[in-house]
Amino acid sequence: MHRFPMFSATLALCALSLPAACSRHVAATQPPPKPALKPALKPALKPALKPALKPALKPALKPALKPALKVAPPTPLAEKKEELGTQTWNPSWDRYIEEALPPEMLAARATRAVRPYCPRFAELSPADKRAFWAYLFQAMAGAEAGLTPTTDVRHTEPAIAKRDTVTHRMIRSEGLLQLTYMDADRYGCDFNWRRDKTLPEKDPARTILQPKNNLTCGVRILDNQLFSLGKPLLSRSSYWSTLQPGTRSFRVFNKQMANVPPVCRTGAEPPDHRSATPNAPQASGKRRNGKPGRTHHAGF
């Protein structure tokens, strides 16, 4: 018995010159070739992360330069009230006025308007010009309200007693400069009638009675008179009778201008306009028992 029959048969076929059969049989008897190993795939390299760009640093904003301010001298009324120990002008109120002044009230063209009280206005430093305006408004507040922020007056004279377009009540002049709620609509003043009407009449928290709101509103009104309407400081059609020559309240105001900052003057006395308008009305500005009189507002 043959030990390798398949191999013998293969040899026999090859011997019979059958090469094709020989090659097929030999191939069938050989183990299948191992598949070629695929080369290991290299992991895809992630692109190197670029360092985060730092935001460009914005140049530090320079703080806005605050204007140089000076405290204005006290008016005669302020001095008197201080002697008596009663409420008087608070020097911190000067700041409200001086910071609210628009550029035109410090410009050369304001010189003519203030010449009666500050002939050297054009030569003054900006700080001294601001102090002059602060003093002028202090004098106005003395004539208008006796320097008392909660002063209010209801007008009853037929020529003055009109209806406030904001409160829909008869006009009541209020605060240091005796203003009205409808001035908020006319001049953009910071008065809030909706809030104030819930507070007592003389509550210092009322927006119209707060010195800052009242005084800065006055700056806007006077700026309108001088530069929008082109009227002089002392005018028969001024908003305030304290600036209307010939009225009693004007004479009170004129006396309060006696202590104008010394840098303004060249030795002259405050102007006396009593004879300038001899037929001027005398109905407003009368003071009784130290209290401010009623003030007629022209109301531009």
C-alpha atoms as a PDB file:
ATOM      1  CA  MET A   1       0.000   0.000   0.000  1.00  0.00           C
ATOM      2  CA  HIS A   2       1.349   3.366  -1.076  1.00  0.00           C
ATOM      3  CA  ARG A   3       1.876   5.861   1.682  1.00  0.00           C
ATOM      4  CA  PHE A   4       1.563   8.957  -0.597  1.00  0.00           C
ATOM      5  CA  PRO A   5      -1.106   8.088  -3.216  1.00  0.00           C
ATOM      6  CA  MET A   6      -1.902  11.700  -4.175  1.00  0.00           C
ATOM      7  CA  PHE A   7       1.714  12.628  -4.646  1.00  0.00           C
ATOM      8  CA  SER A   8       2.276   9.442  -6.716  1.00  0.00           C
ATOM      9  CA  ALA A   9      -0.623  10.323  -8.956  1.00  0.00           C
ATOM     10  CA  THR A  10       0.756  13.739  -9.428  1.00  0.00           C
ATOM     11  CA  LEU A  11       4.080  12.355 -10.465  1.00  0.00           C
ATOM     12  CA  ALA A  12       2.383   9.964 -12.867  1.00  0.00           C
ATOM     13  CA  LEU A  13       0.509  12.779 -14.510  1.00  0.00           C
ATOM     14  CA  CYS A  14       3.614  14.789 -14.848  1.00  0.00           C
ATOM     15  CA  ALA A  15       5.357  11.799 -16.264  1.00  0.00           C
ATOM     16  CA  LEU A  16       2.661  11.427 -18.908  1.00  0.00           C
ATOM     17  CA  SER A  17       3.503  14.951 -20.060  1.00  0.00           C
ATOM     18  CA  LEU A  18       0.370  16.574 -18.815  1.00  0.00           C
ATOM     19  CA  PRO A  19       1.897  19.754 -17.461  1.00  0.00           C
ATOM     20  CA  ALA A  20      -1.380  21.679 -17.142  1.00  0.00           C
ATOM     21  CA  ALA A  21      -2.920  19.010 -14.945  1.00  0.00           C
ATOM     22  CA  CYS A  22       0.269  18.760 -13.047  1.00  0.00           C
ATOM     23  CA  SER A  23       0.413  22.482 -12.265  1.00  0.00           C
ATOM     24  CA  ARG A  24      -3.277  22.662 -11.267  1.00  0.00           C
ATOM     25  CA  HIS A  25      -2.960  19.704  -8.926  1.00  0.00           C
ATOM     26  CA  VAL A  26       0.217  20.975  -7.353  1.00  0.00           C
ATOM     27  CA  ALA A  27      -1.425  24.319  -6.785  1.00  0.00           C
ATOM     28  CA  ALA A  28      -4.447  22.644  -5.198  1.00  0.00           C
ATOM     29  CA  THR A  29      -2.280  20.746  -2.757  1.00  0.00           C
ATOM     30  CA  GLN A  30      -0.369  23.843  -1.571  1.00  0.00           C
ATOM     31  CA  PRO A  31      -1.755  25.869   1.295  1.00  0.00           C
ATOM     32  CA  PRO A  32      -3.338  29.224   0.273  1.00  0.00           C
ATOM     33  CA  PRO A  33      -0.982  32.175   0.507  1.00  0.00           C
ATOM     34  CA  LYS A  34      -1.367  34.437   3.478  1.00  0.00           C
ATOM     35  CA  PRO A  35      -2.837  37.831   2.633  1.00  0.00           C
ATOM     36  CA  ALA A  36      -0.304  40.619   2.526  1.00  0.00           C
ATOM     37  CA  LEU A  37      -0.356  42.709   5.613  1.00  0.00           C
ATOM     38  CA  LYS A  38      -1.546  46.220   4.996  1.00  0.00           C
ATOM     39  CA  PRO A  39       0.784  48.809   6.378  1.00  0.00           C
ATOM     40  CA  ALA A  40      -0.571  50.313   9.553  1.00  0.00           C
ATOM     41  CA  LEU A  41      -2.237  53.594   8.831  1.00  0.00           C
ATOM     42  CA  LYS A  42      -0.554  56.468  10.574  1.00  0.00           C
ATOM     43  CA  PRO A  43      -3.008  58.598  12.478  1.00  0.00           C
ATOM     44  CA  ALA A  44      -3.780  61.846  10.715  1.00  0.00           C
ATOM     45  CA  LEU A  45      -1.880  64.576  12.419  1.00  0.00           C
ATOM     46  CA  LYS A  46      -4.071  67.432  13.625  1.00  0.00           C
ATOM     47  CA  PRO A  47      -2.807  70.796  12.567  1.00  0.00           C
ATOM     48  CA  ALA A  48      -1.089  72.544  15.358  1.00  0.00           C
ATOM     49  CA  LEU A  49      -3.433  74.941  17.084  1.00  0.00           C
ATOM     50  CA  LYS A  50      -2.507  78.543  16.539  1.00  0.00           C
ATOM     51  CA  PRO A  51      -2.235  80.474  19.727  1.00  0.00           C
ATOM     52  CA  ALA A  52      -5.314  82.572  20.342  1.00  0.00           C
ATOM     53  CA  LEU A  53      -4.780  86.101  19.243  1.00  0.00           C
ATOM     54  CA  LYS A  54      -4.965  88.529  22.098  1.00  0.00           C
ATOM     55  CA  PRO A  55      -7.422  91.317  21.433  1.00  0.00           C
ATOM     56  CA  ALA A  56      -5.780  94.570  20.686  1.00  0.00           C
ATOM     57  CA  LEU A  57      -5.850  96.686  23.780  1.00  0.00           C
ATOM     58  CA  LYS A  58      -7.893  99.818  23.360  1.00  0.00           C
ATOM     59  CA  PRO A  59      -6.190 102.910  24.587  1.00  0.00           C
ATOM     60  CA  ALA A  60      -7.523 103.897  27.967  1.00  0.00           C
ATOM     61  CA  LEU A  61     -10.086 106.630  27.664  1.00  0.00           C
ATOM     62  CA  LYS A  62      -8.975 109.788  29.312  1.00  0.00           C
ATOM     63  CA  PRO A  63     -11.493 111.032  31.825  1.00  0.00           C
ATOM     64  CA  ALA A  64     -13.312 114.123  30.658  1.00  0.00           C
ATOM     65  CA  LEU A  65     -11.742 117.189  32.148  1.00  0.00           C
ATOM     66  CA  LYS A  66     -14.092 118.887  34.535  1.00  0.00           C
ATOM     67  CA  PRO A  67     -14.220 122.645  34.224  1.00  0.00           C
ATOM     68  CA  ALA A  68     -12.492 124.652  36.905  1.00  0.00           C
ATOM     69  CA  LEU A  69     -15.109 125.925  39.323  1.00  0.00           C
ATOM     70  CA  LYS A  70     -15.100 128.742  41.824  1.00  0.00           C
ATOM     71  CA  VAL A  71     -17.463 129.493  44.666  1.00  0.00           C
ATOM     72  CA  ALA A  72     -19.260 132.767  44.080  1.00  0.00           C
ATOM     73  CA  PRO A  73     -19.424 135.406  46.828  1.00  0.00           C
ATOM     74  CA  PRO A  74     -22.591 135.529  48.956  1.00  0.00           C
ATOM     75  CA  THR A  75     -25.222 138.099  48.086  1.00  0.00           C
ATOM     76  CA  PRO A  76     -26.265 140.649  50.742  1.00  0.00           C
ATOM     77  CA  LEU A  77     -29.360 138.563  51.468  1.00  0.00           C
ATOM     78  CA  ALA A  78     -27.270 135.411  51.898  1.00  0.00           C
ATOM     79  CA  GLU A  79     -24.994 137.229  54.319  1.00  0.00           C
ATOM     80  CA  LYS A  80     -27.958 138.540  56.310  1.00  0.00           C
ATOM     81  CA  LYS A  81     -29.639 135.149  56.529  1.00  0.00           C
ATOM     82  CA  GLU A  82     -26.377 133.566  57.609  1.00  0.00           C
ATOM     83  CA  GLU A  83     -26.096 136.131  60.398  1.00  0.00           C
ATOM     84  CA  LEU A  84     -29.638 135.301  61.502  1.00  0.00           C
ATOM     85  CA  GLY A  85     -28.946 131.564  61.350  1.00  0.00           C
ATOM     86  CA  THR A  86     -31.762 130.902  58.887  1.00  0.00           C
ATOM     87  CA  GLN A  87     -31.725 128.888  55.679  1.00  0.00           C
ATOM     88  CA  THR A  88     -29.551 130.594  53.103  1.00  0.00           C
ATOM     89  CA  TRP A  89     -27.763 129.922  49.834  1.00  0.00           C
ATOM     90  CA  ASN A  90     -25.785 126.704  49.842  1.00  0.00           C
ATOM     91  CA  PRO A  91     -22.412 127.248  48.086  1.00  0.00           C
ATOM     92  CA  SER A  92     -22.671 123.727  46.651  1.00  0.00           C
ATOM     93  CA  TRP A  93     -25.522 125.028  44.461  1.00  0.00           C
ATOM     94  CA  ASP A  94     -22.952 127.074  42.550  1.00  0.00           C
ATOM     95  CA  ARG A  95     -21.719 123.815  41.046  1.00  0.00           C
ATOM     96  CA  TYR A  96     -25.152 123.001  39.582  1.00  0.00           C
ATOM     97  CA  ILE A  97     -25.144 126.317  37.745  1.00  0.00           C
ATOM     98  CA  GLU A  98     -21.518 126.354  36.647  1.00  0.00           C
ATOM     99  CA  GLU A  99     -21.605 122.810  35.261  1.00  0.00           C
ATOM    100  CA  ALA A 100     -24.834 123.501  33.352  1.00  0.00           C
ATOM    101  CA  LEU A 101     -23.568 126.586  31.526  1.00  0.00           C
ATOM    102  CA  PRO A 102     -23.503 126.092  27.741  1.00  0.00           C
ATOM    103  CA  PRO A 103     -20.438 127.297  25.773  1.00  0.00           C
ATOM    104  CA  GLU A 104     -22.160 130.418  24.472  1.00  0.00           C
ATOM    105  CA  MET A 105     -22.642 131.750  27.996  1.00  0.00           C
ATOM    106  CA  LEU A 106     -18.855 131.709  28.410  1.00  0.00           C
ATOM    107  CA  ALA A 107     -18.042 133.030  24.945  1.00  0.00           C
ATOM    108  CA  ALA A 108     -17.110 136.560  23.948  1.00  0.00           C
ATOM    109  CA  ARG A 109     -20.589 137.239  22.629  1.00  0.00           C
ATOM    110  CA  ALA A 110     -21.957 137.024  26.174  1.00  0.00           C
ATOM    111  CA  THR A 111     -19.913 140.096  27.129  1.00  0.00           C
ATOM    112  CA  ARG A 112     -22.465 142.596  25.894  1.00  0.00           C
ATOM    113  CA  ALA A 113     -25.308 140.887  27.746  1.00  0.00           C
ATOM    114  CA  VAL A 114     -23.574 140.993  31.135  1.00  0.00           C
ATOM    115  CA  ARG A 115     -21.757 144.329  30.731  1.00  0.00           C
ATOM    116  CA  PRO A 116     -24.029 146.141  33.232  1.00  0.00           C
ATOM    117  CA  TYR A 117     -22.712 143.910  36.028  1.00  0.00           C
ATOM    118  CA  CYS A 118     -19.446 142.488  34.712  1.00  0.00           C
ATOM    119  CA  PRO A 119     -17.709 144.950  32.380  1.00  0.00           C
ATOM    120  CA  ARG A 120     -14.529 142.877  32.361  1.00  0.00           C
ATOM    121  CA  PHE A 121     -16.291 139.617  31.434  1.00  0.00           C
ATOM    122  CA  ALA A 122     -14.324 139.142  28.205  1.00  0.00           C
ATOM    123  CA  GLU A 123     -11.031 139.320  30.118  1.00  0.00           C
ATOM    124  CA  LEU A 124     -11.971 136.758  32.772  1.00  0.00           C
ATOM    125  CA  SER A 125     -10.810 133.163  32.987  1.00  0.00           C
ATOM    126  CA  PRO A 126     -13.447 130.480  32.342  1.00  0.00           C
ATOM    127  CA  ALA A 127     -13.594 129.777  36.090  1.00  0.00           C
ATOM    128  CA  ASP A 128     -14.258 133.437  36.884  1.00  0.00           C
ATOM    129  CA  LYS A 129     -16.923 133.630  34.185  1.00  0.00           C
ATOM    130  CA  ARG A 130     -18.660 130.625  35.701  1.00  0.00           C
ATOM    131  CA  ALA A 131     -18.486 132.199  39.151  1.00  0.00           C
ATOM    132  CA  PHE A 132     -20.121 135.357  37.798  1.00  0.00           C
ATOM    133  CA  TRP A 133     -23.075 133.399  36.418  1.00  0.00           C
ATOM    134  CA  ALA A 134     -23.390 131.470  39.689  1.00  0.00           C
ATOM    135  CA  TYR A 135     -23.551 134.795  41.537  1.00  0.00           C
ATOM    136  CA  LEU A 136     -26.148 136.207  39.141  1.00  0.00           C
ATOM    137  CA  PHE A 137     -28.445 133.220  39.643  1.00  0.00           C
ATOM    138  CA  GLN A 138     -27.967 133.479  43.400  1.00  0.00           C
ATOM    139  CA  ALA A 139     -29.096 137.122  43.204  1.00  0.00           C
ATOM    140  CA  MET A 140     -32.097 136.092  41.104  1.00  0.00           C
ATOM    141  CA  ALA A 141     -33.005 133.376  43.615  1.00  0.00           C
ATOM    142  CA  GLY A 142     -32.786 135.963  46.389  1.00  0.00           C
ATOM    143  CA  ALA A 143     -35.216 138.285  44.628  1.00  0.00           C
ATOM    144  CA  GLU A 144     -37.479 135.460  43.440  1.00  0.00           C
ATOM    145  CA  ALA A 145     -37.663 133.135  46.430  1.00  0.00           C
ATOM    146  CA  GLY A 146     -35.674 134.629  49.299  1.00  0.00           C
ATOM    147  CA  LEU A 147     -33.101 131.827  48.720  1.00  0.00           C
ATOM    148  CA  THR A 148     -35.628 129.267  50.004  1.00  0.00           C
ATOM    149  CA  PRO A 149     -35.929 126.221  47.670  1.00  0.00           C
ATOM    150  CA  THR A 150     -39.474 125.292  48.737  1.00  0.00           C
ATOM    151  CA  THR A 151     -41.001 128.713  48.037  1.00  0.00           C
ATOM    152  CA  ASP A 152     -44.116 128.567  45.878  1.00  0.00           C
ATOM    153  CA  VAL A 153     -46.644 131.196  44.817  1.00  0.00           C
ATOM    154  CA  ARG A 154     -50.047 130.774  43.194  1.00  0.00           C
ATOM    155  CA  HIS A 155     -50.852 133.730  40.985  1.00  0.00           C
ATOM    156  CA  THR A 156     -54.281 135.303  41.132  1.00  0.00           C
ATOM    157  CA  GLU A 157     -53.770 138.446  39.041  1.00  0.00           C
ATOM    158  CA  PRO A 158     -55.817 138.177  35.830  1.00  0.00           C
ATOM    159  CA  ALA A 159     -52.798 139.029  33.666  1.00  0.00           C
ATOM    160  CA  ILE A 160     -50.750 136.232  35.251  1.00  0.00           C
ATOM    161  CA  ALA A 161     -53.257 133.652  36.428  1.00  0.00           C
ATOM    162  CA  LYS A 162     -53.234 131.149  33.588  1.00  0.00           C
ATOM    163  CA  ARG A 163     -53.559 127.403  33.406  1.00  0.00           C
ATOM    164  CA  ASP A 164     -50.422 125.281  33.464  1.00  0.00           C
ATOM    165  CA  THR A 165     -50.483 123.069  30.374  1.00  0.00           C
ATOM    166  CA  VAL A 166     -48.901 120.178  32.265  1.00  0.00           C
ATOM    167  CA  THR A 167     -50.738 120.187  35.599  1.00  0.00           C
ATOM    168  CA  HIS A 168     -53.971 121.586  34.071  1.00  0.00           C
ATOM    169  CA  ARG A 169     -54.247 123.732  37.197  1.00  0.00           C
ATOM    170  CA  MET A 170     -53.715 127.431  37.745  1.00  0.00           C
ATOM    171  CA  ILE A 171     -50.044 128.325  37.396  1.00  0.00           C
ATOM    172  CA  ARG A 172     -47.980 128.047  40.532  1.00  0.00           C
ATOM    173  CA  SER A 173     -44.402 129.372  40.449  1.00  0.00           C
ATOM    174  CA  GLU A 174     -42.078 127.177  42.486  1.00  0.00           C
ATOM    175  CA  GLY A 175     -38.524 126.768  43.731  1.00  0.00           C
ATOM    176  CA  LEU A 176     -35.501 129.039  43.860  1.00  0.00           C
ATOM    177  CA  LEU A 177     -36.229 130.586  40.454  1.00  0.00           C
ATOM    178  CA  GLN A 178     -40.024 130.348  40.619  1.00  0.00           C
ATOM    179  CA  LEU A 179     -40.546 128.044  37.665  1.00  0.00           C
ATOM    180  CA  THR A 180     -43.552 126.081  36.448  1.00  0.00           C
ATOM    181  CA  TYR A 181     -44.157 122.507  35.363  1.00  0.00           C
ATOM    182  CA  MET A 182     -44.875 123.549  31.796  1.00  0.00           C
ATOM    183  CA  ASP A 183     -41.282 124.770  31.606  1.00  0.00           C
ATOM    184  CA  ALA A 184     -40.377 121.091  31.359  1.00  0.00           C
ATOM    185  CA  ASP A 185     -42.071 120.987  27.950  1.00  0.00           C
ATOM    186  CA  ARG A 186     -40.736 124.352  26.810  1.00  0.00           C
ATOM    187  CA  TYR A 187     -37.117 123.995  27.849  1.00  0.00           C
ATOM    188  CA  GLY A 188     -36.578 120.290  28.564  1.00  0.00           C
ATOM    189  CA  CYS A 189     -36.311 120.726  32.317  1.00  0.00           C
ATOM    190  CA  ASP A 190     -36.204 117.745  34.645  1.00  0.00           C
ATOM    191  CA  PHE A 191     -39.595 118.178  36.338  1.00  0.00           C
ATOM    192  CA  ASN A 192     -41.899 115.197  36.863  1.00  0.00           C
ATOM    193  CA  TRP A 193     -45.459 116.271  37.625  1.00  0.00           C
ATOM    194  CA  ARG A 194     -46.788 112.694  37.595  1.00  0.00           C
ATOM    195  CA  ARG A 195     -44.502 111.896  40.526  1.00  0.00           C
ATOM    196  CA  ASP A 196     -44.704 115.248  42.280  1.00  0.00           C
ATOM    197  CA  LYS A 197     -48.480 115.453  42.428  1.00  0.00           C
ATOM    198  CA  THR A 198     -48.473 112.604  44.961  1.00  0.00           C
ATOM    199  CA  LEU A 199     -46.212 114.565  47.335  1.00  0.00           C
ATOM    200  CA  PRO A 200     -47.087 117.436  49.703  1.00  0.00           C
ATOM    201  CA  GLU A 201     -46.933 120.922  48.238  1.00  0.00           C
ATOM    202  CA  LYS A 202     -43.668 121.936  49.888  1.00  0.00           C
ATOM    203  CA  ASP A 203     -42.001 118.534  50.014  1.00  0.00           C
ATOM    204  CA  PRO A 204     -38.298 119.053  49.161  1.00  0.00           C
ATOM    205  CA  ALA A 205     -38.373 115.746  47.287  1.00  0.00           C
ATOM    206  CA  ARG A 206     -40.572 117.242  44.575  1.00  0.00           C
ATOM    207  CA  THR A 207     -38.512 117.475  41.399  1.00  0.00           C
ATOM    208  CA  ILE A 208     -39.368 121.109  40.728  1.00  0.00           C
ATOM    209  CA  LEU A 209     -38.213 122.140  44.222  1.00  0.00           C
ATOM    210  CA  GLN A 210     -34.858 120.376  44.089  1.00  0.00           C
ATOM    211  CA  PRO A 211     -32.180 123.078  43.683  1.00  0.00           C
ATOM    212  CA  LYS A 212     -30.292 121.209  40.964  1.00  0.00           C
ATOM    213  CA  ASN A 213     -33.350 120.771  38.745  1.00  0.00           C
ATOM    214  CA  ASN A 214     -34.642 124.275  39.359  1.00  0.00           C
ATOM    215  CA  LEU A 215     -31.339 126.087  38.800  1.00  0.00           C
ATOM    216  CA  THR A 216     -30.283 124.139  35.720  1.00  0.00           C
ATOM    217  CA  CYS A 217     -33.710 124.817  34.222  1.00  0.00           C
ATOM    218  CA  GLY A 218     -33.120 128.506  34.889  1.00  0.00           C
ATOM    219  CA  VAL A 219     -29.831 128.313  32.990  1.00  0.00           C
ATOM    220  CA  ARG A 220     -31.694 126.937  29.974  1.00  0.00           C
ATOM    221  CA  ILE A 221     -34.330 129.636  30.112  1.00  0.00           C
ATOM    222  CA  LEU A 222     -31.781 132.449  30.316  1.00  0.00           C
ATOM    223  CA  ASP A 223     -29.668 130.889  27.558  1.00  0.00           C
ATOM    224  CA  ASN A 224     -32.793 130.879  25.379  1.00  0.00           C
ATOM    225  CA  GLN A 225     -33.437 134.551  26.164  1.00  0.00           C
ATOM    226  CA  LEU A 226     -29.901 135.685  25.400  1.00  0.00           C
ATOM    227  CA  PHE A 227     -28.893 133.558  22.429  1.00  0.00           C
ATOM    228  CA  SER A 228     -31.951 131.972  20.837  1.00  0.00           C
ATOM    229  CA  LEU A 229     -34.110 135.079  21.070  1.00  0.00           C
ATOM    230  CA  GLY A 230     -31.229 137.559  20.994  1.00  0.00           C
ATOM    231  CA  LYS A 231     -32.574 139.622  23.883  1.00  0.00           C
ATOM    232  CA  PRO A 232     -30.426 141.441  26.453  1.00  0.00           C
ATOM    233  CA  LEU A 233     -30.061 140.276  30.043  1.00  0.00           C
ATOM    234  CA  LEU A 234     -32.260 143.127  31.284  1.00  0.00           C
ATOM    235  CA  SER A 235     -35.375 143.063  29.140  1.00  0.00           C
ATOM    236  CA  ARG A 236     -38.981 144.138  29.596  1.00  0.00           C
ATOM    237  CA  SER A 237     -39.968 140.779  28.098  1.00  0.00           C
ATOM    238  CA  SER A 238     -37.694 138.603  30.217  1.00  0.00           C
ATOM    239  CA  TYR A 239     -39.126 135.391  31.678  1.00  0.00           C
ATOM    240  CA  TRP A 240     -38.537 136.830  35.168  1.00  0.00           C
ATOM    241  CA  SER A 241     -39.714 140.227  36.386  1.00  0.00           C
ATOM    242  CA  THR A 242     -36.482 140.368  38.381  1.00  0.00           C
ATOM    243  CA  LEU A 243     -34.755 141.035  35.042  1.00  0.00           C
ATOM    244  CA  GLN A 244     -37.361 143.541  33.858  1.00  0.00           C
ATOM    245  CA  PRO A 245     -36.097 147.083  34.547  1.00  0.00           C
ATOM    246  CA  GLY A 246     -38.616 149.257  36.352  1.00  0.00           C
ATOM    247  CA  THR A 247     -40.304 146.535  38.386  1.00  0.00           C
ATOM    248  CA  ARG A 248     -40.061 146.289  42.158  1.00  0.00           C
ATOM    249  CA  SER A 249     -38.560 142.831  41.985  1.00  0.00           C
ATOM    250  CA  PHE A 250     -35.901 144.162  39.630  1.00  0.00           C
ATOM    251  CA  ARG A 251     -34.848 146.682  42.273  1.00  0.00           C
ATOM    252  CA  VAL A 252     -34.533 143.861  44.782  1.00  0.00           C
ATOM    253  CA  PHE A 253     -32.408 141.910  42.320  1.00  0.00           C
ATOM    254  CA  ASN A 254     -30.286 144.944  41.535  1.00  0.00           C
ATOM    255  CA  LYS A 255     -29.442 145.381  45.229  1.00  0.00           C
ATOM    256  CA  GLN A 256     -28.427 141.724  45.428  1.00  0.00           C
ATOM    257  CA  MET A 257     -25.891 142.301  42.646  1.00  0.00           C
ATOM    258  CA  ALA A 258     -23.849 144.538  44.971  1.00  0.00           C
ATOM    259  CA  ASN A 259     -21.390 141.741  45.828  1.00  0.00           C
ATOM    260  CA  VAL A 260     -20.628 140.671  42.255  1.00  0.00           C
ATOM    261  CA  PRO A 261     -17.168 139.002  42.074  1.00  0.00           C
ATOM    262  CA  PRO A 262     -14.525 141.759  42.290  1.00  0.00           C
ATOM    263  CA  VAL A 263     -12.779 140.589  39.109  1.00  0.00           C
ATOM    264  CA  CYS A 264     -15.871 141.658  37.166  1.00  0.00           C
ATOM    265  CA  ARG A 265     -15.829 145.286  38.077  1.00  0.00           C
ATOM    266  CA  THR A 266     -13.666 148.299  37.538  1.00  0.00           C
ATOM    267  CA  GLY A 267     -15.029 150.275  40.464  1.00  0.00           C
ATOM    268  CA  ALA A 268     -18.458 151.100  39.022  1.00  0.00           C
ATOM    269  CA  GLU A 269     -21.640 150.621  41.026  1.00  0.00           C
ATOM    270  CA  PRO A 270     -24.442 148.298  39.879  1.00  0.00           C
ATOM    271  CA  PRO A 271     -26.663 150.018  37.308  1.00  0.00           C
ATOM    272  CA  ASP A 272     -29.805 151.836  38.409  1.00  0.00           C
ATOM    273  CA  HIS A 273     -32.543 151.379  35.822  1.00  0.00           C
ATOM    274  CA  ARG A 274     -35.366 152.944  37.830  1.00  0.00           C
ATOM    275  CA  SER A 275     -35.514 155.944  35.518  1.00  0.00           C
ATOM    276  CA  ALA A 276     -34.968 153.937  32.340  1.00  0.00           C
ATOM    277  CA  THR A 277     -38.589 152.780  32.207  1.00  0.00           C
ATOM    278  CA  PRO A 278     -40.624 155.208  34.324  1.00  0.00           C
ATOM    279  CA  ASN A 279     -43.949 153.686  33.342  1.00  0.00           C
ATOM    280  CA  ALA A 280     -42.935 150.117  34.136  1.00  0.00           C
ATOM    281  CA  PRO A 281     -45.598 148.055  35.965  1.00  0.00           C
ATOM    282  CA  GLN A 282     -45.136 147.787  39.717  1.00  0.00           C
ATOM    283  CA  ALA A 283     -47.362 144.798  40.358  1.00  0.00           C
ATOM    284  CA  SER A 284     -44.762 142.124  40.971  1.00  0.00           C
ATOM    285  CA  GLY A 285     -41.877 141.401  43.270  1.00  0.00           C
ATOM    286  CA  LYS A 286     -43.225 143.115  46.404  1.00  0.00           C
ATOM    287  CA  ARG A 287     -41.805 141.698  49.609  1.00  0.00           C
ATOM    288  CA  ARG A 288     -43.689 141.593  52.865  1.00  0.00           C
ATOM    289  CA  ASN A 289     -42.239 140.426  56.159  1.00  0.00           C
ATOM    290  CA  GLY A 290     -39.115 139.234  54.415  1.00  0.00           C
ATOM    291  CA  LYS A 291     -41.026 136.927  52.076  1.00  0.00           C
ATOM    292  CA  PRO A 292     -40.564 137.105  48.312  1.00  0.00           C
ATOM    293  CA  GLY A 293     -43.295 138.776  46.338  1.00  0.00           C
ATOM    294  CA  ARG A 294     -45.117 137.347  43.383  1.00  0.00           C
ATOM    295  CA  THR A 295     -43.155 137.304  40.190  1.00  0.00           C
ATOM    296  CA  HIS A 296     -44.580 137.918  36.768  1.00  0.00           C
ATOM    297  CA  HIS A 297     -43.178 135.605  34.112  1.00  0.00           C
ATOM    298  CA  ALA A 298     -43.284 136.726  30.547  1.00  0.00           C
ATOM    299  CA  GLY A 299     -42.838 133.111  29.475  1.00  0.00           C
ATOM    300  CA  PHE A 300     -41.189 133.175  26.039  1.00  0.00           C
END
